[in-house]
Amino acid sequence: MAAIAGGNKIRNAKLVLLGDVGAGKSSLVLRFVKGQFVEFQESTIGAAFFSQTLAVNDETVKFEIWDTAGQERYHSLAPMYYRGAAAAIVVYDITNAASFTRAKKWVQELQAQGNIVLLCTYYISALHIGTCTYTVKVASKEMILIFWIL
């Protein structure tokens, strides 16, 4: 933690996004960092780095965000990105059962690491919101995590 002028403290927090290709990881990061939503984002290659600084109470939190590629060939690189992370966000496409299955595997892998805080989110379009309620309830019970709709 570093101090800045005025006595405010800066806390660095490494955040990593994991999940299947096309699940919406990059769109989620761009929304958080730039306030933009890009529906058709090109696939990330390897990983992309972003940062976002927010004031939280009397502290300033600088998020160091790693948006990892979802392609299977990059899976072996993931530990390099989530090692030392304060939190991980697992993203999946709720309309794709295979994406959800792989999200559960990410959760298991992260839980084996110990102290990483997990959030699980999913991309869902307005067209599918009414048909996915059951899936969300089952997923919440299975993984005991926090879910929200983007």
Foldseek 3Di string as FASTA:
>chain_A
DDADPPGAAEAEFEEEEAFAAPFCLVQVVCCVAVVDGDNDDDFDDAWDWDWDWDDDPRHIYIYTYIYGGRDPVNVVVVCVRCVPGQEYEYGFALVDVVRLVVSVVVLVVVVVVPRHAYAYETEDDPVCVVVRPVVVVVSCVVRVHHYDYD
